[in-house]
Amino acid sequence: MTYKIAVASSDGRVVNQHFAAATHFAIFEIGEGGDYRFVELREALPIRTGISRNGQGLEYMAEVIRDCQAVLVSWVGPGTVRVLRSKGIEAAEIPHYIPEAIMAYVNAVGRKHQKARADR
């Protein structure tokens, strides 16, 4: 099964943006064996620069990445994590070069799935 993840990056090389401050999300598709490929770059309007903070901003940002299973960021607040989880999106703080961050996330997800199968 393939899935998508969003990466908050200002330069396309490093996971270096806070979720609320993200100006772009690089979208990657993750394949069965953990291989990945870049799909597209999506623009976002950072919450801090114009969208109100009464929840509409978070709803907007979540909508930008609605088809993704996860978002990799340099930082994310607990309120944002709750909003994203309610939309089925996991937030992971992995401030690193994008390839390493993606592999760290993929490995962590694989370990979770293996543990869940073992617990059955």
PDB file of N, CA and C in Angstrom:
ATOM      1  N   MET A   1       0.830  -1.178   0.000  1.00  0.00           N
ATOM      2  CA  MET A   1       0.000   0.000   0.000  1.00  0.00           C
ATOM      3  C   MET A   1       0.880   1.249   0.000  1.00  0.00           C
ATOM      4  N   THR A   2       0.606   2.173  -0.856  1.00  0.00           N
ATOM      5  CA  THR A   2       1.348   3.423  -0.882  1.00  0.00           C
ATOM      6  C   THR A   2       0.581   4.486  -0.105  1.00  0.00           C
ATOM      7  N   TYR A   3       1.303   5.461   0.362  1.00  0.00           N
ATOM      8  CA  TYR A   3       0.680   6.581   1.061  1.00  0.00           C
ATOM      9  C   TYR A   3       1.524   7.821   0.821  1.00  0.00           C
ATOM     10  N   LYS A   4       0.979   8.971   1.191  1.00  0.00           N
ATOM     11  CA  LYS A   4       1.666  10.245   0.988  1.00  0.00           C
ATOM     12  C   LYS A   4       2.029  10.871   2.327  1.00  0.00           C
ATOM     13  N   ILE A   5       3.163  11.567   2.305  1.00  0.00           N
ATOM     14  CA  ILE A   5       3.524  12.394   3.445  1.00  0.00           C
ATOM     15  C   ILE A   5       3.872  13.789   2.935  1.00  0.00           C
ATOM     16  N   ALA A   6       3.626  14.775   3.768  1.00  0.00           N
ATOM     17  CA  ALA A   6       3.975  16.160   3.468  1.00  0.00           C
ATOM     18  C   ALA A   6       5.215  16.517   4.282  1.00  0.00           C
ATOM     19  N   VAL A   7       6.063  17.355   3.707  1.00  0.00           N
ATOM     20  CA  VAL A   7       7.284  17.783   4.379  1.00  0.00           C
ATOM     21  C   VAL A   7       7.320  19.303   4.373  1.00  0.00           C
ATOM     22  N   ALA A   8       7.438  19.902   5.565  1.00  0.00           N
ATOM     23  CA  ALA A   8       7.509  21.359   5.684  1.00  0.00           C
ATOM     24  C   ALA A   8       8.960  21.797   5.484  1.00  0.00           C
ATOM     25  N   SER A   9       9.228  22.385   4.318  1.00  0.00           N
ATOM     26  CA  SER A   9      10.592  22.770   3.976  1.00  0.00           C
ATOM     27  C   SER A   9      10.584  24.075   3.188  1.00  0.00           C
ATOM     28  N   SER A  10      11.480  24.962   3.533  1.00  0.00           N
ATOM     29  CA  SER A  10      11.583  26.221   2.795  1.00  0.00           C
ATOM     30  C   SER A  10      12.535  26.110   1.608  1.00  0.00           C
ATOM     31  N   ASP A  11      13.391  25.074   1.625  1.00  0.00           N
ATOM     32  CA  ASP A  11      14.409  24.990   0.582  1.00  0.00           C
ATOM     33  C   ASP A  11      14.401  23.683  -0.211  1.00  0.00           C
ATOM     34  N   GLY A  12      13.498  22.761   0.127  1.00  0.00           N
ATOM     35  CA  GLY A  12      13.433  21.485  -0.586  1.00  0.00           C
ATOM     36  C   GLY A  12      14.538  20.514  -0.224  1.00  0.00           C
ATOM     37  N   ARG A  13      15.355  20.865   0.764  1.00  0.00           N
ATOM     38  CA  ARG A  13      16.457  19.985   1.164  1.00  0.00           C
ATOM     39  C   ARG A  13      16.342  19.503   2.603  1.00  0.00           C
ATOM     40  N   VAL A  14      15.796  20.393   3.472  1.00  0.00           N
ATOM     41  CA  VAL A  14      15.776  20.124   4.906  1.00  0.00           C
ATOM     42  C   VAL A  14      14.365  20.328   5.451  1.00  0.00           C
ATOM     43  N   VAL A  15      13.976  19.487   6.402  1.00  0.00           N
ATOM     44  CA  VAL A  15      12.732  19.692   7.144  1.00  0.00           C
ATOM     45  C   VAL A  15      13.056  20.821   8.120  1.00  0.00           C
ATOM     46  N   ASN A  16      12.633  22.051   7.781  1.00  0.00           N
ATOM     47  CA  ASN A  16      13.107  23.195   8.553  1.00  0.00           C
ATOM     48  C   ASN A  16      12.023  24.217   8.878  1.00  0.00           C
ATOM     49  N   GLN A  17      10.759  23.839   8.754  1.00  0.00           N
ATOM     50  CA  GLN A  17       9.704  24.792   9.064  1.00  0.00           C
ATOM     51  C   GLN A  17       8.757  24.235  10.121  1.00  0.00           C
ATOM     52  N   HIS A  18       8.316  25.128  10.994  1.00  0.00           N
ATOM     53  CA  HIS A  18       7.253  24.803  11.944  1.00  0.00           C
ATOM     54  C   HIS A  18       5.977  24.635  11.137  1.00  0.00           C
ATOM     55  N   PHE A  19       5.063  23.811  11.593  1.00  0.00           N
ATOM     56  CA  PHE A  19       3.828  23.593  10.840  1.00  0.00           C
ATOM     57  C   PHE A  19       3.108  24.904  10.570  1.00  0.00           C
ATOM     58  N   ALA A  20       2.912  25.717  11.596  1.00  0.00           N
ATOM     59  CA  ALA A  20       2.134  26.955  11.456  1.00  0.00           C
ATOM     60  C   ALA A  20       2.823  28.002  10.593  1.00  0.00           C
ATOM     61  N   ALA A  21       4.137  27.876  10.412  1.00  0.00           N
ATOM     62  CA  ALA A  21       4.885  28.849   9.628  1.00  0.00           C
ATOM     63  C   ALA A  21       5.225  28.352   8.226  1.00  0.00           C
ATOM     64  N   ALA A  22       4.780  27.164   7.885  1.00  0.00           N
ATOM     65  CA  ALA A  22       5.148  26.564   6.597  1.00  0.00           C
ATOM     66  C   ALA A  22       4.599  27.368   5.425  1.00  0.00           C
ATOM     67  N   THR A  23       5.457  27.638   4.480  1.00  0.00           N
ATOM     68  CA  THR A  23       5.051  28.315   3.255  1.00  0.00           C
ATOM     69  C   THR A  23       4.857  27.322   2.113  1.00  0.00           C
ATOM     70  N   HIS A  24       5.463  26.147   2.251  1.00  0.00           N
ATOM     71  CA  HIS A  24       5.370  25.099   1.237  1.00  0.00           C
ATOM     72  C   HIS A  24       5.378  23.731   1.906  1.00  0.00           C
ATOM     73  N   PHE A  25       4.712  22.803   1.282  1.00  0.00           N
ATOM     74  CA  PHE A  25       4.803  21.402   1.671  1.00  0.00           C
ATOM     75  C   PHE A  25       5.230  20.607   0.445  1.00  0.00           C
ATOM     76  N   ALA A  26       6.348  19.896   0.568  1.00  0.00           N
ATOM     77  CA  ALA A  26       6.762  18.962  -0.477  1.00  0.00           C
ATOM     78  C   ALA A  26       6.017  17.664  -0.200  1.00  0.00           C
ATOM     79  N   ILE A  27       5.359  17.142  -1.219  1.00  0.00           N
ATOM     80  CA  ILE A  27       4.562  15.925  -1.065  1.00  0.00           C
ATOM     81  C   ILE A  27       5.338  14.756  -1.664  1.00  0.00           C
ATOM     82  N   PHE A  28       5.456  13.698  -0.868  1.00  0.00           N
ATOM     83  CA  PHE A  28       6.155  12.492  -1.297  1.00  0.00           C
ATOM     84  C   PHE A  28       5.212  11.308  -1.199  1.00  0.00           C
ATOM     85  N   GLU A  29       5.353  10.391  -2.139  1.00  0.00           N
ATOM     86  CA  GLU A  29       4.606   9.137  -2.095  1.00  0.00           C
ATOM     87  C   GLU A  29       5.561   8.054  -1.615  1.00  0.00           C
ATOM     88  N   ILE A  30       5.118   7.316  -0.615  1.00  0.00           N
ATOM     89  CA  ILE A  30       5.928   6.249  -0.031  1.00  0.00           C
ATOM     90  C   ILE A  30       5.400   4.917  -0.548  1.00  0.00           C
ATOM     91  N   GLY A  31       6.299   4.098  -1.091  1.00  0.00           N
ATOM     92  CA  GLY A  31       5.909   2.808  -1.661  1.00  0.00           C
ATOM     93  C   GLY A  31       5.975   1.679  -0.652  1.00  0.00           C
ATOM     94  N   GLU A  32       5.596   0.498  -1.105  1.00  0.00           N
ATOM     95  CA  GLU A  32       5.544  -0.708  -0.269  1.00  0.00           C
ATOM     96  C   GLU A  32       6.842  -0.988   0.488  1.00  0.00           C
ATOM     97  N   GLY A  33       7.959  -0.905  -0.176  1.00  0.00           N
ATOM     98  CA  GLY A  33       9.236  -1.252   0.442  1.00  0.00           C
ATOM     99  C   GLY A  33       9.930  -0.087   1.121  1.00  0.00           C
ATOM    100  N   GLY A  34       9.235   1.033   1.286  1.00  0.00           N
ATOM    101  CA  GLY A  34       9.845   2.198   1.910  1.00  0.00           C
ATOM    102  C   GLY A  34      10.497   3.137   0.910  1.00  0.00           C
ATOM    103  N   ASP A  35      10.450   2.766  -0.383  1.00  0.00           N
ATOM    104  CA  ASP A  35      10.978   3.682  -1.386  1.00  0.00           C
ATOM    105  C   ASP A  35      10.037   4.884  -1.477  1.00  0.00           C
ATOM    106  N   TYR A  36      10.543   6.005  -1.937  1.00  0.00           N
ATOM    107  CA  TYR A  36       9.709   7.204  -2.007  1.00  0.00           C
ATOM    108  C   TYR A  36      10.048   8.005  -3.258  1.00  0.00           C
ATOM    109  N   ARG A  37       9.089   8.847  -3.637  1.00  0.00           N
ATOM    110  CA  ARG A  37       9.315   9.733  -4.777  1.00  0.00           C
ATOM    111  C   ARG A  37       8.593  11.047  -4.533  1.00  0.00           C
ATOM    112  N   PHE A  38       9.206  12.123  -4.996  1.00  0.00           N
ATOM    113  CA  PHE A  38       8.598  13.448  -4.911  1.00  0.00           C
ATOM    114  C   PHE A  38       7.415  13.499  -5.861  1.00  0.00           C
ATOM    115  N   VAL A  39       6.288  14.040  -5.399  1.00  0.00           N
ATOM    116  CA  VAL A  39       5.080  14.138  -6.222  1.00  0.00           C
ATOM    117  C   VAL A  39       4.827  15.574  -6.650  1.00  0.00           C
ATOM    118  N   GLU A  40       4.813  16.498  -5.679  1.00  0.00           N
ATOM    119  CA  GLU A  40       4.514  17.891  -6.011  1.00  0.00           C
ATOM    120  C   GLU A  40       4.881  18.808  -4.855  1.00  0.00           C
ATOM    121  N   LEU A  41       4.883  20.091  -5.142  1.00  0.00           N
ATOM    122  CA  LEU A  41       5.099  21.116  -4.139  1.00  0.00           C
ATOM    123  C   LEU A  41       3.801  21.902  -3.992  1.00  0.00           C
ATOM    124  N   ARG A  42       3.303  22.001  -2.762  1.00  0.00           N
ATOM    125  CA  ARG A  42       2.059  22.724  -2.505  1.00  0.00           C
ATOM    126  C   ARG A  42       2.354  23.976  -1.695  1.00  0.00           C
ATOM    127  N   GLU A  43       1.790  25.084  -2.127  1.00  0.00           N
ATOM    128  CA  GLU A  43       1.943  26.333  -1.392  1.00  0.00           C
ATOM    129  C   GLU A  43       0.962  26.376  -0.229  1.00  0.00           C
ATOM    130  N   ALA A  44       1.371  27.036   0.827  1.00  0.00           N
ATOM    131  CA  ALA A  44       0.516  27.216   1.995  1.00  0.00           C
ATOM    132  C   ALA A  44       0.634  28.661   2.463  1.00  0.00           C
ATOM    133  N   LEU A  45      -0.380  29.127   3.128  1.00  0.00           N
ATOM    134  CA  LEU A  45      -0.360  30.454   3.723  1.00  0.00           C
ATOM    135  C   LEU A  45      -0.111  30.272   5.212  1.00  0.00           C
ATOM    136  N   PRO A  46       1.076  30.634   5.682  1.00  0.00           N
ATOM    137  CA  PRO A  46       1.376  30.420   7.104  1.00  0.00           C
ATOM    138  C   PRO A  46       0.333  31.070   7.999  1.00  0.00           C
ATOM    139  N   ILE A  47      -0.014  30.392   9.047  1.00  0.00           N
ATOM    140  CA  ILE A  47      -1.029  30.878   9.979  1.00  0.00           C
ATOM    141  C   ILE A  47      -0.620  32.222  10.557  1.00  0.00           C
ATOM    142  N   ARG A  48       0.630  32.380  10.819  1.00  0.00           N
ATOM    143  CA  ARG A  48       1.125  33.600  11.461  1.00  0.00           C
ATOM    144  C   ARG A  48       1.062  34.823  10.550  1.00  0.00           C
ATOM    145  N   THR A  49       0.794  34.645   9.282  1.00  0.00           N
ATOM    146  CA  THR A  49       0.843  35.791   8.367  1.00  0.00           C
ATOM    147  C   THR A  49      -0.508  36.187   7.812  1.00  0.00           C
ATOM    148  N   GLY A  50      -1.584  35.872   8.475  1.00  0.00           N
ATOM    149  CA  GLY A  50      -2.828  36.387   7.964  1.00  0.00           C
ATOM    150  C   GLY A  50      -4.082  35.619   8.282  1.00  0.00           C
ATOM    151  N   ILE A  51      -3.999  34.320   8.408  1.00  0.00           N
ATOM    152  CA  ILE A  51      -5.207  33.572   8.736  1.00  0.00           C
ATOM    153  C   ILE A  51      -5.370  33.654  10.248  1.00  0.00           C
ATOM    154  N   SER A  52      -6.578  33.877  10.698  1.00  0.00           N
ATOM    155  CA  SER A  52      -6.802  34.030  12.141  1.00  0.00           C
ATOM    156  C   SER A  52      -6.405  32.773  12.887  1.00  0.00           C
ATOM    157  N   ARG A  53      -6.101  32.934  14.159  1.00  0.00           N
ATOM    158  CA  ARG A  53      -5.666  31.817  14.983  1.00  0.00           C
ATOM    159  C   ARG A  53      -6.832  31.170  15.726  1.00  0.00           C
ATOM    160  N   ASN A  54      -8.063  31.416  15.317  1.00  0.00           N
ATOM    161  CA  ASN A  54      -9.212  30.851  16.036  1.00  0.00           C
ATOM    162  C   ASN A  54      -9.563  29.457  15.540  1.00  0.00           C
ATOM    163  N   GLY A  55      -8.634  28.798  14.920  1.00  0.00           N
ATOM    164  CA  GLY A  55      -8.885  27.447  14.441  1.00  0.00           C
ATOM    165  C   GLY A  55      -9.026  27.368  12.937  1.00  0.00           C
ATOM    166  N   GLN A  56      -9.445  28.453  12.320  1.00  0.00           N
ATOM    167  CA  GLN A  56      -9.595  28.436  10.863  1.00  0.00           C
ATOM    168  C   GLN A  56      -8.253  28.232  10.172  1.00  0.00           C
ATOM    169  N   GLY A  57      -7.211  28.803  10.737  1.00  0.00           N
ATOM    170  CA  GLY A  57      -5.885  28.652  10.143  1.00  0.00           C
ATOM    171  C   GLY A  57      -5.428  27.218  10.130  1.00  0.00           C
ATOM    172  N   LEU A  58      -5.627  26.528  11.240  1.00  0.00           N
ATOM    173  CA  LEU A  58      -5.240  25.122  11.308  1.00  0.00           C
ATOM    174  C   LEU A  58      -6.077  24.280  10.358  1.00  0.00           C
ATOM    175  N   GLU A  59      -7.357  24.589  10.270  1.00  0.00           N
ATOM    176  CA  GLU A  59      -8.232  23.877   9.328  1.00  0.00           C
ATOM    177  C   GLU A  59      -7.741  24.058   7.895  1.00  0.00           C
ATOM    178  N   TYR A  60      -7.361  25.283   7.558  1.00  0.00           N
ATOM    179  CA  TYR A  60      -6.839  25.562   6.214  1.00  0.00           C
ATOM    180  C   TYR A  60      -5.565  24.763   5.952  1.00  0.00           C
ATOM    181  N   MET A  61      -4.622  24.814   6.899  1.00  0.00           N
ATOM    182  CA  MET A  61      -3.352  24.113   6.704  1.00  0.00           C
ATOM    183  C   MET A  61      -3.577  22.605   6.595  1.00  0.00           C
ATOM    184  N   ALA A  62      -4.475  22.066   7.402  1.00  0.00           N
ATOM    185  CA  ALA A  62      -4.776  20.636   7.318  1.00  0.00           C
ATOM    186  C   ALA A  62      -5.403  20.302   5.969  1.00  0.00           C
ATOM    187  N   GLU A  63      -6.202  21.203   5.437  1.00  0.00           N
ATOM    188  CA  GLU A  63      -6.835  20.986   4.132  1.00  0.00           C
ATOM    189  C   GLU A  63      -5.794  20.909   3.011  1.00  0.00           C
ATOM    190  N   VAL A  64      -4.733  21.700   3.126  1.00  0.00           N
ATOM    191  CA  VAL A  64      -3.665  21.703   2.109  1.00  0.00           C
ATOM    192  C   VAL A  64      -3.050  20.312   1.978  1.00  0.00           C
ATOM    193  N   ILE A  65      -2.977  19.568   3.092  1.00  0.00           N
ATOM    194  CA  ILE A  65      -2.324  18.247   3.073  1.00  0.00           C
ATOM    195  C   ILE A  65      -3.308  17.126   3.407  1.00  0.00           C
ATOM    196  N   ARG A  66      -4.576  17.327   3.107  1.00  0.00           N
ATOM    197  CA  ARG A  66      -5.650  16.400   3.504  1.00  0.00           C
ATOM    198  C   ARG A  66      -5.471  14.972   2.997  1.00  0.00           C
ATOM    199  N   ASP A  67      -4.769  14.771   1.897  1.00  0.00           N
ATOM    200  CA  ASP A  67      -4.596  13.429   1.342  1.00  0.00           C
ATOM    201  C   ASP A  67      -3.318  12.750   1.833  1.00  0.00           C
ATOM    202  N   CYS A  68      -2.653  13.354   2.810  1.00  0.00           N
ATOM    203  CA  CYS A  68      -1.406  12.801   3.350  1.00  0.00           C
ATOM    204  C   CYS A  68      -1.665  12.083   4.671  1.00  0.00           C
ATOM    205  N   GLN A  69      -0.913  11.043   4.920  1.00  0.00           N
ATOM    206  CA  GLN A  69      -1.006  10.302   6.174  1.00  0.00           C
ATOM    207  C   GLN A  69      -0.238  11.011   7.282  1.00  0.00           C
ATOM    208  N   ALA A  70       0.805  11.741   6.909  1.00  0.00           N
ATOM    209  CA  ALA A  70       1.663  12.379   7.901  1.00  0.00           C
ATOM    210  C   ALA A  70       2.256  13.662   7.354  1.00  0.00           C
ATOM    211  N   VAL A  71       2.747  14.481   8.291  1.00  0.00           N
ATOM    212  CA  VAL A  71       3.491  15.684   7.926  1.00  0.00           C
ATOM    213  C   VAL A  71       4.753  15.708   8.782  1.00  0.00           C
ATOM    214  N   LEU A  72       5.889  15.932   8.147  1.00  0.00           N
ATOM    215  CA  LEU A  72       7.177  16.035   8.826  1.00  0.00           C
ATOM    216  C   LEU A  72       7.501  17.509   8.969  1.00  0.00           C
ATOM    217  N   VAL A  73       7.812  17.924  10.194  1.00  0.00           N
ATOM    218  CA  VAL A  73       8.047  19.337  10.490  1.00  0.00           C
ATOM    219  C   VAL A  73       9.245  19.467  11.430  1.00  0.00           C
ATOM    220  N   SER A  74       9.717  20.717  11.595  1.00  0.00           N
ATOM    221  CA  SER A  74      10.772  20.946  12.579  1.00  0.00           C
ATOM    222  C   SER A  74      10.178  21.124  13.965  1.00  0.00           C
ATOM    223  N   TRP A  75       8.925  21.605  14.035  1.00  0.00           N
ATOM    224  CA  TRP A  75       8.237  21.747  15.321  1.00  0.00           C
ATOM    225  C   TRP A  75       6.746  21.839  15.068  1.00  0.00           C
ATOM    226  N   VAL A  76       5.958  21.337  16.019  1.00  0.00           N
ATOM    227  CA  VAL A  76       4.495  21.429  15.940  1.00  0.00           C
ATOM    228  C   VAL A  76       3.948  21.455  17.360  1.00  0.00           C
ATOM    229  N   GLY A  77       2.969  22.315  17.601  1.00  0.00           N
ATOM    230  CA  GLY A  77       2.384  22.438  18.928  1.00  0.00           C
ATOM    231  C   GLY A  77       1.344  21.372  19.215  1.00  0.00           C
ATOM    232  N   PRO A  78       1.037  21.151  20.495  1.00  0.00           N
ATOM    233  CA  PRO A  78       0.087  20.108  20.878  1.00  0.00           C
ATOM    234  C   PRO A  78      -1.330  20.349  20.343  1.00  0.00           C
ATOM    235  N   GLY A  79      -1.770  21.597  20.271  1.00  0.00           N
ATOM    236  CA  GLY A  79      -3.095  21.885  19.718  1.00  0.00           C
ATOM    237  C   GLY A  79      -3.170  21.524  18.249  1.00  0.00           C
ATOM    238  N   THR A  80      -2.106  21.812  17.536  1.00  0.00           N
ATOM    239  CA  THR A  80      -2.048  21.464  16.113  1.00  0.00           C
ATOM    240  C   THR A  80      -2.033  19.958  15.930  1.00  0.00           C
ATOM    241  N   VAL A  81      -1.301  19.254  16.783  1.00  0.00           N
ATOM    242  CA  VAL A  81      -1.266  17.787  16.708  1.00  0.00           C
ATOM    243  C   VAL A  81      -2.678  17.227  16.853  1.00  0.00           C
ATOM    244  N   ARG A  82      -3.452  17.775  17.787  1.00  0.00           N
ATOM    245  CA  ARG A  82      -4.831  17.301  17.985  1.00  0.00           C
ATOM    246  C   ARG A  82      -5.682  17.535  16.735  1.00  0.00           C
ATOM    247  N   VAL A  83      -5.561  18.718  16.144  1.00  0.00           N
ATOM    248  CA  VAL A  83      -6.342  19.020  14.933  1.00  0.00           C
ATOM    249  C   VAL A  83      -5.944  18.075  13.806  1.00  0.00           C
ATOM    250  N   LEU A  84      -4.653  17.878  13.614  1.00  0.00           N
ATOM    251  CA  LEU A  84      -4.186  16.995  12.540  1.00  0.00           C
ATOM    252  C   LEU A  84      -4.650  15.563  12.768  1.00  0.00           C
ATOM    253  N   ARG A  85      -4.533  15.074  13.998  1.00  0.00           N
ATOM    254  CA  ARG A  85      -4.990  13.700  14.295  1.00  0.00           C
ATOM    255  C   ARG A  85      -6.475  13.537  13.996  1.00  0.00           C
ATOM    256  N   SER A  86      -7.266  14.564  14.286  1.00  0.00           N
ATOM    257  CA  SER A  86      -8.709  14.480  14.008  1.00  0.00           C
ATOM    258  C   SER A  86      -8.975  14.362  12.517  1.00  0.00           C
ATOM    259  N   LYS A  87      -8.004  14.763  11.707  1.00  0.00           N
ATOM    260  CA  LYS A  87      -8.115  14.664  10.242  1.00  0.00           C
ATOM    261  C   LYS A  87      -7.414  13.417   9.710  1.00  0.00           C
ATOM    262  N   GLY A  88      -6.866  12.597  10.608  1.00  0.00           N
ATOM    263  CA  GLY A  88      -6.163  11.386  10.182  1.00  0.00           C
ATOM    264  C   GLY A  88      -4.742  11.624   9.722  1.00  0.00           C
ATOM    265  N   ILE A  89      -4.147  12.743  10.153  1.00  0.00           N
ATOM    266  CA  ILE A  89      -2.777  13.085   9.751  1.00  0.00           C
ATOM    267  C   ILE A  89      -1.887  13.058  10.989  1.00  0.00           C
ATOM    268  N   GLU A  90      -0.808  12.305  10.910  1.00  0.00           N
ATOM    269  CA  GLU A  90       0.156  12.235  12.007  1.00  0.00           C
ATOM    270  C   GLU A  90       1.217  13.313  11.800  1.00  0.00           C
ATOM    271  N   ALA A  91       1.598  13.992  12.868  1.00  0.00           N
ATOM    272  CA  ALA A  91       2.669  14.989  12.806  1.00  0.00           C
ATOM    273  C   ALA A  91       3.919  14.404  13.439  1.00  0.00           C
ATOM    274  N   ALA A  92       5.056  14.566  12.766  1.00  0.00           N
ATOM    275  CA  ALA A  92       6.320  14.052  13.285  1.00  0.00           C
ATOM    276  C   ALA A  92       7.374  15.149  13.202  1.00  0.00           C
ATOM    277  N   GLU A  93       8.001  15.437  14.334  1.00  0.00           N
ATOM    278  CA  GLU A  93       9.086  16.415  14.373  1.00  0.00           C
ATOM    279  C   GLU A  93      10.386  15.709  14.032  1.00  0.00           C
ATOM    280  N   ILE A  94      10.871  15.938  12.814  1.00  0.00           N
ATOM    281  CA  ILE A  94      12.121  15.311  12.370  1.00  0.00           C
ATOM    282  C   ILE A  94      12.914  16.361  11.591  1.00  0.00           C
ATOM    283  N   PRO A  95      13.538  17.316  12.299  1.00  0.00           N
ATOM    284  CA  PRO A  95      14.299  18.364  11.620  1.00  0.00           C
ATOM    285  C   PRO A  95      15.640  17.825  11.115  1.00  0.00           C
ATOM    286  N   HIS A  96      15.638  17.385   9.892  1.00  0.00           N
ATOM    287  CA  HIS A  96      16.817  16.747   9.307  1.00  0.00           C
ATOM    288  C   HIS A  96      16.757  16.942   7.792  1.00  0.00           C
ATOM    289  N   TYR A  97      17.768  16.460   7.094  1.00  0.00           N
ATOM    290  CA  TYR A  97      17.688  16.455   5.636  1.00  0.00           C
ATOM    291  C   TYR A  97      16.502  15.590   5.235  1.00  0.00           C
ATOM    292  N   ILE A  98      15.825  15.968   4.188  1.00  0.00           N
ATOM    293  CA  ILE A  98      14.574  15.307   3.806  1.00  0.00           C
ATOM    294  C   ILE A  98      14.736  13.796   3.614  1.00  0.00           C
ATOM    295  N   PRO A  99      15.722  13.312   2.865  1.00  0.00           N
ATOM    296  CA  PRO A  99      15.821  11.853   2.700  1.00  0.00           C
ATOM    297  C   PRO A  99      15.953  11.109   4.031  1.00  0.00           C
ATOM    298  N   GLU A 100      16.782  11.635   4.937  1.00  0.00           N
ATOM    299  CA  GLU A 100      16.963  10.991   6.237  1.00  0.00           C
ATOM    300  C   GLU A 100      15.682  11.072   7.069  1.00  0.00           C
ATOM    301  N   ALA A 101      14.990  12.204   7.010  1.00  0.00           N
ATOM    302  CA  ALA A 101      13.742  12.365   7.759  1.00  0.00           C
ATOM    303  C   ALA A 101      12.680  11.396   7.256  1.00  0.00           C
ATOM    304  N   ILE A 102      12.572  11.265   5.940  1.00  0.00           N
ATOM    305  CA  ILE A 102      11.587  10.336   5.378  1.00  0.00           C
ATOM    306  C   ILE A 102      11.901   8.910   5.814  1.00  0.00           C
ATOM    307  N   MET A 103      13.162   8.524   5.735  1.00  0.00           N
ATOM    308  CA  MET A 103      13.519   7.158   6.116  1.00  0.00           C
ATOM    309  C   MET A 103      13.292   6.926   7.608  1.00  0.00           C
ATOM    310  N   ALA A 104      13.573   7.915   8.446  1.00  0.00           N
ATOM    311  CA  ALA A 104      13.311   7.772   9.887  1.00  0.00           C
ATOM    312  C   ALA A 104      11.821   7.575  10.123  1.00  0.00           C
ATOM    313  N   TYR A 105      10.986   8.333   9.421  1.00  0.00           N
ATOM    314  CA  TYR A 105       9.543   8.183   9.582  1.00  0.00           C
ATOM    315  C   TYR A 105       9.087   6.805   9.088  1.00  0.00           C
ATOM    316  N   VAL A 106       9.528   6.419   7.918  1.00  0.00           N
ATOM    317  CA  VAL A 106       9.140   5.125   7.338  1.00  0.00           C
ATOM    318  C   VAL A 106       9.557   3.985   8.262  1.00  0.00           C
ATOM    319  N   ASN A 107      10.764   4.054   8.809  1.00  0.00           N
ATOM    320  CA  ASN A 107      11.227   3.005   9.734  1.00  0.00           C
ATOM    321  C   ASN A 107      10.385   2.979  11.002  1.00  0.00           C
ATOM    322  N   ALA A 108      10.032   4.140  11.529  1.00  0.00           N
ATOM    323  CA  ALA A 108       9.199   4.193  12.737  1.00  0.00           C
ATOM    324  C   ALA A 108       7.812   3.619  12.464  1.00  0.00           C
ATOM    325  N   VAL A 109       7.240   3.930  11.316  1.00  0.00           N
ATOM    326  CA  VAL A 109       5.918   3.399  10.954  1.00  0.00           C
ATOM    327  C   VAL A 109       5.994   1.886  10.803  1.00  0.00           C
ATOM    328  N   GLY A 110       7.043   1.393  10.186  1.00  0.00           N
ATOM    329  CA  GLY A 110       7.218  -0.049  10.021  1.00  0.00           C
ATOM    330  C   GLY A 110       7.307  -0.762  11.352  1.00  0.00           C
ATOM    331  N   ARG A 111       8.034  -0.157  12.305  1.00  0.00           N
ATOM    332  CA  ARG A 111       8.144  -0.759  13.639  1.00  0.00           C
ATOM    333  C   ARG A 111       6.789  -0.779  14.333  1.00  0.00           C
ATOM    334  N   LYS A 112       5.995   0.280  14.174  1.00  0.00           N
ATOM    335  CA  LYS A 112       4.666   0.321  14.792  1.00  0.00           C
ATOM    336  C   LYS A 112       3.777  -0.776  14.237  1.00  0.00           C
ATOM    337  N   HIS A 113       3.822  -0.964  12.910  1.00  0.00           N
ATOM    338  CA  HIS A 113       2.992  -2.002  12.282  1.00  0.00           C
ATOM    339  C   HIS A 113       3.434  -3.395  12.727  1.00  0.00           C
ATOM    340  N   GLN A 114       4.735  -3.612  12.838  1.00  0.00           N
ATOM    341  CA  GLN A 114       5.227  -4.907  13.293  1.00  0.00           C
ATOM    342  C   GLN A 114       4.794  -5.179  14.725  1.00  0.00           C
ATOM    343  N   LYS A 115       4.866  -4.170  15.591  1.00  0.00           N
ATOM    344  CA  LYS A 115       4.457  -4.331  16.977  1.00  0.00           C
ATOM    345  C   LYS A 115       2.963  -4.625  17.058  1.00  0.00           C
ATOM    346  N   ALA A 116       2.158  -3.920  16.274  1.00  0.00           N
ATOM    347  CA  ALA A 116       0.715  -4.130  16.280  1.00  0.00           C
ATOM    348  C   ALA A 116       0.381  -5.567  15.856  1.00  0.00           C
ATOM    349  N   ARG A 117       1.089  -6.078  14.857  1.00  0.00           N
ATOM    350  CA  ARG A 117       0.851  -7.465  14.419  1.00  0.00           C
ATOM    351  C   ARG A 117       1.255  -8.455  15.496  1.00  0.00           C
ATOM    352  N   ALA A 118       2.364  -8.171  16.187  1.00  0.00           N
ATOM    353  CA  ALA A 118       2.843  -9.076  17.235  1.00  0.00           C
ATOM    354  C   ALA A 118       1.902  -9.078  18.435  1.00  0.00           C
ATOM    355  N   ASP A 119       1.247  -7.953  18.690  1.00  0.00           N
ATOM    356  CA  ASP A 119       0.321  -7.851  19.834  1.00  0.00           C
ATOM    357  C   ASP A 119      -1.006  -8.550  19.587  1.00  0.00           C
ATOM    358  N   ARG A 120      -1.296  -8.929  18.367  1.00  0.00           N
ATOM    359  CA  ARG A 120      -2.589  -9.572  18.066  1.00  0.00           C
ATOM    360  C   ARG A 120      -2.656 -10.973  18.566  1.00  0.00           C
TER     361      ARG A 120
END
